[in-house]
Amino acid sequence: MFPVSRSKIVFSAILAGVVTPASALGLRIADQDPFATARGNAFVATADNPSAIYYNPAGLTQLEGHQLRIGTYAIALKSQFTTPARAVFDTKSRMDFAPQFYYAYGMKDQPLAFGLGFYSPYGLALEWPNNPSFGPVYGKMAYLTLNPVAAWQVHPTLSVAAGLTLNYAELEIRQPALAAPGFPSVNRFKGEDLDAGYNLGLLWQPFKQHSFGVNYRSATTQNFTGSATTSGTGLFDGTGPANARMPLPRHVACGYSFRPTPEWNFEFNADWTEWERMNTVNFVQPVGTFPVPFNWRSSWFYEFGVTRKFEGGWRASAGYIFSENSVPDANFSPLVPDSDRHIFSVGVGRQQTRVNWDVGYQLAWGPGRTVTGNNLAFPLPANSTHADGRYTFLSHAFTAAVGFRF
């Protein structure tokens, strides 16, 4: 059993961040369909395939009959840390995957459509090797959402939609338990939770060449419940119950699509995430309760996309996203090495009568960010380390999906 009186001499449970930098904007995975990803996720005002369930469920009223779309998003990312003494450390190489499953049914004789989505809007993982600044750390979040929706075309030019999100998440973080360089102690927090939220959509096309879309996703809160294990200290090793209440943000995306001809589609989206909900998270473990100040800032994606259609159902797309940094220097965590990011994407696909497919490639580049004045309570409150230094980020992502109409 953990003696609470020892909490003053061991960090044990202060977690300086969560996972993962799949993109900027904290933990968010905004890429939920290869056609949309190839367009820089500028899809809110287009939303004309079953992935509209995520991007803008009001777009489902554009579909007829039964449609199924299955895909995946695979990302290989690398962050590099240069200490003030110019020692260089890279995150460990890995490939992570996020599922994409959408079913939609548009009623032929009624202005109604329904859908069911299954996807991962947050998550993936990151691991740093041992280093003199903050030691070896590992974080992983698995987050899955089941999303039934209904859409109604209230007017030939206007559709609205609403849905329920059922969200399951697992969180694991491992880091040193003692402020002793080279001492192989480990504190491991692991928890899970199931919660619910909702999403709303609106699609307005007042003219054939112009359409506007709005997508809203509610805030949720994950009450992670599980265990904390400390090993390698020789003094207070053991396992006990632990929990952490983590608020996740709401976000709103607005888009405008311009289609000068049937072959061309240009779109711009502004996508806002309310990361300021991530203020202080209390990690309750057997040695005590440890408040972790995140103090993140709300931030934006600015998304630009273009698609050109060709004969035979072929199409090609390209996109660009500028993603704002969400994490201030003082609360910067190496497990979420956020920064301003430039994200470039391309893709091709083909639409046939019964079958369609899309593939895409995405490159995300984070220019060097120098962190100063960092105040990680890591690993001991009385003997804190910091994450000061220079960070760079680069990721390559591949995404593909196949769709069926029946």
Foldseek 3Di string as FASTA:
>chain_A
DFDLVCVQQKLQDFDLAADDPPDFPHFFDLDQAQVCVQFQVQCQQPLQAQCCLPNFVQNLLNDAFKKKKWKKKKKWKKKWFADPVGDIWMWDTDMDMKIWIKMKHHYPPFSKIKMKIKIWGGWDWIWTDQDPFFGTKIKTKGKMWIKIKMKGAPDPFKIKMKIKIKMKMKIKMKGATHPDPPQPKIKMDIFIFIDMWMKMKMKGDPDPFKIKMKIKTAKDKGWTKDKMAIDRPVPGGDMDIKIKIFIFWIKMKMKMWGDPDPFKIKMKMKIKTACQSQAWMWIQHPNGIDIHGFRWHIWIKIKIKMKGADPQQKIKMKIKIWTAHTGALQSDDPNNNHHTKIKIKIKMKGDDDFKIKIKMKMKIWHPKDFRPNYHRCRRRVVDRGGSGGIMIMIMIMMMMMMMGGD
